[in-house]
N, C-alpha and C. Protein backbone atom coordinates (compact mmCIF):
# COMPACT_ATOMS: atom_id res chain seq x y z
N MET A 1 3.15 18.14 28.66
CA MET A 1 3.60 19.03 27.71
C MET A 1 3.32 18.35 26.40
N PHE A 2 2.59 18.60 25.67
CA PHE A 2 2.00 17.92 24.17
C PHE A 2 3.48 17.98 23.19
N GLU A 3 3.98 16.78 23.10
CA GLU A 3 5.64 17.19 22.04
C GLU A 3 5.27 16.49 21.00
N THR A 4 4.35 15.42 20.78
CA THR A 4 4.30 15.24 19.57
C THR A 4 2.49 14.56 18.86
N ILE A 5 2.69 14.33 17.80
CA ILE A 5 1.33 13.92 17.21
C ILE A 5 1.72 12.61 16.43
N ARG A 6 1.24 11.36 16.90
CA ARG A 6 1.47 9.99 16.61
C ARG A 6 -0.03 10.03 15.60
N TRP A 7 0.77 9.70 14.24
CA TRP A 7 -0.65 9.29 13.10
C TRP A 7 -0.18 8.13 12.36
N ARG A 8 -1.61 7.53 12.09
CA ARG A 8 -1.74 6.25 12.00
C ARG A 8 -2.33 6.08 10.74
N CYS A 9 -2.07 5.52 9.43
CA CYS A 9 -3.09 5.50 8.03
C CYS A 9 -2.85 4.50 7.90
N TYR A 10 -3.93 3.75 6.83
CA TYR A 10 -4.11 2.97 5.90
C TYR A 10 -4.53 3.60 4.38
N ALA A 11 -3.20 3.07 3.61
CA ALA A 11 -3.41 3.80 2.08
C ALA A 11 -2.96 3.06 1.24
N HIS A 12 -3.16 3.12 0.01
CA HIS A 12 -3.26 2.38 -1.26
C HIS A 12 -1.58 2.62 -1.70
N ALA A 13 -0.60 1.83 -1.43
CA ALA A 13 0.19 2.04 -1.88
C ALA A 13 1.29 0.38 -1.96
N GLY A 14 1.64 0.53 -3.51
CA GLY A 14 1.90 -1.13 -3.70
C GLY A 14 3.54 -1.72 -3.07
N ASP A 15 4.04 -0.24 -2.96
CA ASP A 15 5.35 -0.75 -1.63
C ASP A 15 5.77 0.57 -1.41
N ARG A 16 7.18 0.45 -0.51
CA ARG A 16 7.60 1.29 0.56
C ARG A 16 7.82 2.69 -0.59
N ARG A 17 8.18 2.80 -1.67
CA ARG A 17 8.94 3.76 -2.16
C ARG A 17 7.38 4.27 -2.56
N SER A 18 6.24 3.74 -3.20
CA SER A 18 4.81 4.44 -2.99
C SER A 18 4.32 5.22 -2.22
N ALA A 19 4.68 4.48 -1.00
CA ALA A 19 4.02 4.88 0.46
C ALA A 19 4.89 5.99 0.66
N GLN A 20 6.06 6.31 0.59
CA GLN A 20 7.06 7.71 1.03
C GLN A 20 6.59 8.80 0.01
N ARG A 21 6.02 8.12 -1.27
CA ARG A 21 5.72 9.42 -2.19
C ARG A 21 4.25 10.08 -1.51
N LEU A 22 3.19 9.43 -0.99
CA LEU A 22 2.02 9.63 -0.07
C LEU A 22 2.67 10.33 1.02
N VAL A 23 3.36 10.06 1.71
CA VAL A 23 3.83 10.67 2.78
C VAL A 23 4.09 11.77 2.63
N ASP A 24 4.83 12.11 1.28
CA ASP A 24 5.84 13.39 1.08
C ASP A 24 4.55 14.23 0.58
N ARG A 25 3.44 13.92 0.15
CA ARG A 25 2.46 14.82 -0.23
C ARG A 25 1.86 14.83 0.73
N ILE A 26 1.27 13.91 1.79
CA ILE A 26 0.75 14.75 2.93
C ILE A 26 1.88 15.99 3.93
N GLU A 27 2.70 15.29 3.98
CA GLU A 27 3.66 16.48 4.19
C GLU A 27 3.98 17.80 4.23
N GLN A 28 3.28 18.02 2.64
CA GLN A 28 3.49 19.05 1.64
C GLN A 28 1.91 20.23 2.32
N LEU A 29 1.22 19.45 2.97
CA LEU A 29 -0.09 19.83 3.47
C LEU A 29 0.33 20.95 4.89
N LEU A 30 1.35 20.18 5.09
CA LEU A 30 1.51 20.66 6.93
C LEU A 30 2.89 21.30 6.91
N PRO A 31 3.00 22.24 7.92
CA PRO A 31 4.13 23.19 8.71
C PRO A 31 5.03 22.28 9.17
N CYS A 32 5.09 21.37 9.02
CA CYS A 32 6.12 20.76 9.26
C CYS A 32 6.33 19.11 9.15
N PRO A 33 7.71 18.95 9.21
CA PRO A 33 7.93 17.76 8.96
C PRO A 33 7.46 16.14 9.35
N LEU A 34 7.19 15.33 9.19
CA LEU A 34 6.80 13.74 9.17
C LEU A 34 7.98 12.92 8.93
N GLU A 35 7.32 12.16 10.08
CA GLU A 35 8.80 11.07 10.56
C GLU A 35 7.80 9.89 10.21
N THR A 36 8.73 8.94 9.23
CA THR A 36 7.91 7.49 9.24
C THR A 36 8.70 6.97 9.69
N VAL A 37 7.87 6.46 10.71
CA VAL A 37 8.26 5.22 12.14
C VAL A 37 8.22 3.69 11.71
N GLU A 38 7.09 3.37 10.96
CA GLU A 38 6.82 2.18 10.20
C GLU A 38 5.90 1.90 9.00
N TYR A 39 6.35 0.93 7.87
CA TYR A 39 5.82 0.93 6.96
C TYR A 39 5.41 -0.88 6.70
N ALA A 40 4.21 -1.28 6.69
CA ALA A 40 4.02 -2.68 6.58
C ALA A 40 2.73 -2.71 5.71
N ARG A 41 2.39 -4.31 5.43
CA ARG A 41 1.32 -4.51 4.75
C ARG A 41 0.25 -4.44 6.03
N TYR A 42 -1.09 -4.03 5.60
CA TYR A 42 -2.33 -4.32 6.56
C TYR A 42 -2.38 -5.78 6.20
N TRP A 43 -2.24 -6.38 7.12
CA TRP A 43 -2.76 -8.06 7.42
C TRP A 43 -4.27 -8.30 6.86
N LYS A 44 -5.04 -7.18 7.10
CA LYS A 44 -6.68 -7.49 7.06
C LYS A 44 -6.71 -7.32 5.62
N PHE A 45 -6.33 -6.04 4.65
CA PHE A 45 -6.24 -5.67 3.49
C PHE A 45 -5.01 -5.50 2.93
N PRO A 46 -4.32 -6.89 2.19
CA PRO A 46 -2.83 -6.90 1.76
C PRO A 46 -2.75 -5.62 0.49
N GLU A 47 -3.83 -5.51 0.06
CA GLU A 47 -3.97 -4.09 -1.18
C GLU A 47 -3.34 -2.93 -0.25
N LEU A 48 -3.47 -2.67 1.17
CA LEU A 48 -3.50 -1.15 1.67
C LEU A 48 -1.91 -1.37 2.60
N ALA A 49 -1.40 -0.35 2.29
CA ALA A 49 -0.09 0.13 3.47
C ALA A 49 -0.17 0.50 4.72
N GLU A 50 0.04 -0.12 5.70
CA GLU A 50 -0.04 0.71 7.01
C GLU A 50 1.33 1.58 7.44
N LEU A 51 0.74 2.97 7.66
CA LEU A 51 2.04 3.50 8.23
C LEU A 51 2.08 4.03 8.98
N ARG A 52 2.98 4.45 10.06
CA ARG A 52 3.22 5.01 11.01
C ARG A 52 4.01 6.32 10.86
N LEU A 53 3.66 7.40 11.42
CA LEU A 53 4.47 8.75 11.50
C LEU A 53 4.11 9.40 12.88
N VAL A 54 5.16 10.40 13.19
CA VAL A 54 5.19 11.16 13.79
C VAL A 54 5.41 12.79 13.47
N SER A 55 4.80 13.62 14.06
CA SER A 55 5.15 15.04 13.77
C SER A 55 5.09 16.00 14.83
N ALA A 56 5.99 16.64 15.12
CA ALA A 56 6.51 17.71 16.31
C ALA A 56 4.80 18.13 16.46
N LEU A 57 4.49 18.76 17.72
CA LEU A 57 3.67 19.58 18.45
C LEU A 57 3.92 20.76 19.15
N ALA A 58 4.93 20.54 20.16
CA ALA A 58 5.30 21.48 21.09
C ALA A 58 3.91 22.59 21.54
N CYS A 59 3.14 21.79 21.95
CA CYS A 59 1.99 22.49 23.00
C CYS A 59 1.96 22.32 24.41
N SER A 60 1.63 23.36 25.42
CA SER A 60 1.82 22.92 26.73
C SER A 60 0.29 22.96 27.62
N THR A 61 -0.54 22.95 26.55
CA THR A 61 -2.10 22.92 27.50
C THR A 61 -2.36 22.18 26.38
N PRO A 62 -3.94 21.56 26.88
CA PRO A 62 -4.61 20.56 26.50
C PRO A 62 -5.42 21.42 25.06
N GLU A 63 -5.75 22.22 25.73
CA GLU A 63 -6.59 23.61 24.48
C GLU A 63 -5.91 23.80 23.26
N GLN A 64 -4.41 24.27 23.43
CA GLN A 64 -3.74 24.80 22.21
C GLN A 64 -3.68 23.60 21.42
N ALA A 65 -2.97 22.08 22.16
CA ALA A 65 -2.67 20.99 21.44
C ALA A 65 -3.96 20.31 20.91
N LEU A 66 -5.06 20.63 21.18
CA LEU A 66 -6.49 19.81 20.54
C LEU A 66 -6.58 20.90 19.07
N LEU A 67 -6.72 22.17 19.54
CA LEU A 67 -6.69 23.23 17.98
C LEU A 67 -5.45 22.79 17.02
N THR A 68 -4.46 23.23 17.58
CA THR A 68 -3.35 22.67 16.51
C THR A 68 -3.50 21.43 15.77
N THR A 69 -3.21 20.21 16.75
CA THR A 69 -3.45 19.02 15.94
C THR A 69 -4.67 18.98 14.79
N LEU A 70 -6.18 19.74 15.16
CA LEU A 70 -7.20 19.91 14.39
C LEU A 70 -6.67 20.88 13.32
N GLN A 71 -6.05 22.01 13.40
CA GLN A 71 -5.94 22.69 12.53
C GLN A 71 -5.04 21.88 11.41
N LEU A 72 -4.15 21.06 11.79
CA LEU A 72 -3.16 20.19 10.97
C LEU A 72 -4.22 18.98 10.21
N ALA A 73 -5.20 18.44 10.95
CA ALA A 73 -5.66 17.22 10.70
C ALA A 73 -6.56 17.85 9.58
N TRP A 74 -7.28 18.74 10.04
CA TRP A 74 -8.20 19.22 8.19
C TRP A 74 -7.75 19.71 7.16
N LYS A 75 -6.45 19.66 7.40
CA LYS A 75 -5.52 19.97 6.17
C LYS A 75 -5.40 18.89 5.34
N ILE A 76 -5.68 17.46 5.59
CA ILE A 76 -5.52 16.26 5.50
C ILE A 76 -6.71 15.55 5.27
N ALA A 77 -7.63 15.50 6.18
CA ALA A 77 -9.21 14.96 5.94
C ALA A 77 -10.25 16.11 6.79
N THR A 78 -11.21 15.88 6.47
CA THR A 78 -12.75 16.14 6.70
C THR A 78 -13.93 15.37 6.46
N PRO A 79 -14.67 14.85 7.44
CA PRO A 79 -14.60 14.90 8.86
C PRO A 79 -13.80 14.21 9.34
N TRP A 80 -13.05 14.54 11.00
CA TRP A 80 -12.84 13.63 11.82
C TRP A 80 -13.88 13.29 12.82
N SER A 81 -13.62 11.82 13.62
CA SER A 81 -14.46 11.48 14.88
C SER A 81 -13.58 11.67 15.82
N LEU A 82 -14.01 12.75 17.08
CA LEU A 82 -12.64 12.63 17.87
C LEU A 82 -13.53 12.13 19.26
N LEU A 83 -11.99 11.61 19.96
CA LEU A 83 -12.63 10.88 21.40
C LEU A 83 -11.51 11.67 22.22
N GLY A 84 -11.56 12.06 23.30
CA GLY A 84 -10.97 12.77 24.47
C GLY A 84 -11.20 12.16 25.43
N CYS A 85 -9.67 11.74 26.83
CA CYS A 85 -9.80 11.37 27.69
C CYS A 85 -8.68 12.32 28.50
N ALA A 86 -9.38 12.65 29.97
CA ALA A 86 -9.02 13.62 30.36
C ALA A 86 -8.77 13.11 32.20
N THR A 87 -7.76 12.24 32.65
CA THR A 87 -7.93 11.84 33.93
C THR A 87 -7.00 11.86 34.84
N GLY A 88 -7.09 12.78 35.73
CA GLY A 88 -6.35 13.23 36.82
C GLY A 88 -5.67 14.46 35.69
N PRO A 89 -4.00 14.50 35.74
CA PRO A 89 -2.95 14.97 35.32
C PRO A 89 -2.74 14.85 34.05
N LEU A 90 -3.45 13.64 33.15
CA LEU A 90 -3.11 12.89 32.06
C LEU A 90 -3.89 13.47 31.13
N HIS A 91 -4.07 13.69 30.09
CA HIS A 91 -4.88 14.10 28.94
C HIS A 91 -4.12 13.46 27.33
N GLU A 92 -5.24 13.05 26.88
CA GLU A 92 -5.08 12.21 25.68
C GLU A 92 -6.34 12.70 24.14
N PHE A 93 -5.85 12.42 23.44
CA PHE A 93 -7.05 13.17 22.31
C PHE A 93 -6.52 12.24 21.16
N GLU A 94 -7.74 11.37 20.59
CA GLU A 94 -7.57 10.94 19.17
C GLU A 94 -8.71 11.40 18.66
N GLY A 95 -8.43 11.54 17.07
CA GLY A 95 -8.79 11.43 15.64
C GLY A 95 -9.00 10.70 14.52
N ILE A 96 -10.13 10.40 14.43
CA ILE A 96 -10.27 9.14 13.15
C ILE A 96 -10.49 9.71 12.09
N ALA A 97 -10.70 9.66 10.47
CA ALA A 97 -11.29 10.01 9.77
C ALA A 97 -11.38 8.52 8.82
N SER A 98 -11.95 8.10 8.10
CA SER A 98 -12.31 6.85 7.41
C SER A 98 -13.09 7.47 6.10
N ALA A 99 -12.67 6.98 5.10
CA ALA A 99 -13.34 7.05 3.58
C ALA A 99 -14.64 6.22 3.76
N ASN A 100 -14.58 5.32 4.09
CA ASN A 100 -15.84 4.30 4.03
C ASN A 100 -17.17 4.98 4.85
N VAL A 101 -16.62 6.19 5.85
CA VAL A 101 -18.22 7.03 6.50
C VAL A 101 -18.29 8.02 5.98
N GLY A 102 -17.30 8.49 4.73
CA GLY A 102 -17.54 10.07 4.23
C GLY A 102 -16.31 10.57 4.41
N ALA A 103 -15.48 10.39 5.14
CA ALA A 103 -14.26 11.72 4.96
C ALA A 103 -13.86 11.51 3.57
N THR A 104 -13.64 13.19 3.34
CA THR A 104 -12.57 13.34 2.07
C THR A 104 -11.05 13.00 2.64
N PHE A 105 -10.20 13.22 1.99
CA PHE A 105 -8.88 12.72 2.29
C PHE A 105 -8.40 13.97 1.00
N SER A 106 -7.76 14.80 1.32
CA SER A 106 -6.89 15.70 0.49
C SER A 106 -5.57 14.58 -0.75
N VAL A 107 -5.08 13.83 -0.25
CA VAL A 107 -4.22 13.07 -0.54
C VAL A 107 -5.14 11.57 -1.30
N ALA A 108 -5.11 11.45 -2.37
CA ALA A 108 -5.27 10.22 -2.85
C ALA A 108 -4.80 9.17 -2.52
N GLY A 109 -5.86 8.47 -2.03
CA GLY A 109 -5.29 6.66 -1.96
C GLY A 109 -5.03 6.25 0.09
N ILE A 110 -5.18 7.56 0.13
CA ILE A 110 -5.85 7.14 1.58
C ILE A 110 -7.20 6.71 2.14
N GLU A 111 -7.27 5.60 3.02
CA GLU A 111 -8.52 5.03 2.89
C GLU A 111 -8.74 5.51 4.41
N TRP A 112 -8.30 5.53 5.67
CA TRP A 112 -8.40 5.42 7.17
C TRP A 112 -7.16 6.05 7.59
N MET A 113 -7.21 7.21 8.80
CA MET A 113 -5.93 7.82 9.16
C MET A 113 -6.88 8.16 10.68
N GLU A 114 -5.93 7.98 11.41
CA GLU A 114 -6.09 8.24 12.63
C GLU A 114 -4.83 9.18 13.50
N PHE A 115 -4.98 9.90 14.13
CA PHE A 115 -4.06 10.70 15.04
C PHE A 115 -4.47 10.50 16.40
N THR A 116 -3.53 11.12 17.18
CA THR A 116 -3.39 10.43 18.57
C THR A 116 -2.38 11.65 19.37
N VAL A 117 -3.03 12.32 20.17
CA VAL A 117 -1.76 13.30 21.26
C VAL A 117 -2.03 13.39 22.66
N SER A 118 -0.98 12.98 23.12
CA SER A 118 -0.96 12.87 24.77
C SER A 118 0.02 14.04 25.63
N ASP A 119 -0.14 14.33 26.42
CA ASP A 119 0.65 14.35 27.46
C ASP A 119 1.51 13.81 28.12
N HIS A 120 1.54 12.48 28.11
CA HIS A 120 2.12 11.84 29.39
C HIS A 120 3.59 11.53 28.07
N HIS A 121 4.51 11.11 28.95
CA HIS A 121 6.05 10.94 28.23
C HIS A 121 5.98 9.92 27.40
N GLU A 122 6.45 10.26 26.04
CA GLU A 122 6.06 9.28 24.66
C GLU A 122 7.31 8.89 24.09
N GLY A 123 8.66 9.22 24.85
CA GLY A 123 9.96 8.34 25.05
C GLY A 123 9.97 9.25 23.12
N THR A 124 10.95 8.54 22.56
CA THR A 124 11.29 8.75 21.54
C THR A 124 10.54 8.15 20.47
N ALA A 125 10.48 8.35 19.05
CA ALA A 125 9.35 7.61 17.96
C ALA A 125 9.60 6.89 18.24
N ALA A 126 10.38 6.16 17.93
CA ALA A 126 11.00 4.14 17.84
C ALA A 126 9.94 3.67 18.95
N GLU A 127 10.75 4.56 20.05
CA GLU A 127 9.94 3.91 21.20
C GLU A 127 8.27 4.11 21.70
N THR A 128 7.55 4.88 21.18
CA THR A 128 6.59 5.34 20.70
C THR A 128 5.50 4.32 20.31
N LEU A 129 6.14 3.88 19.13
CA LEU A 129 5.46 2.72 18.20
C LEU A 129 5.75 1.45 18.59
N ALA A 130 6.71 1.03 19.37
CA ALA A 130 7.39 -0.49 19.33
C ALA A 130 6.11 -0.58 20.02
């Protein structure tokens, strides 16, 4: 079962409050709530915030999970580079959108974003990104 989408993004946000406003704008694009799991300054480019988010997915098949995730992701940015892995009974998909290679984001300030979807047990949101 594909239960959650894990999102990570780098965005221009000077502090936690402006980062939360950015997350709120992303959330307005989606039909499901986003949970902020982590906020930190990006060590490589301190002007960027690194945000880790999760949203519910609840899909039973890999095909349904990928299609649903892409439908959500395309509301945030286009295009996405996709990677997939199906090894035995486990499936994992990842997508990356980056402004420096031509992605256009619907929310101003995002420079790079990634999603990961997997059918192996992910635990709680806090355990997922620990």
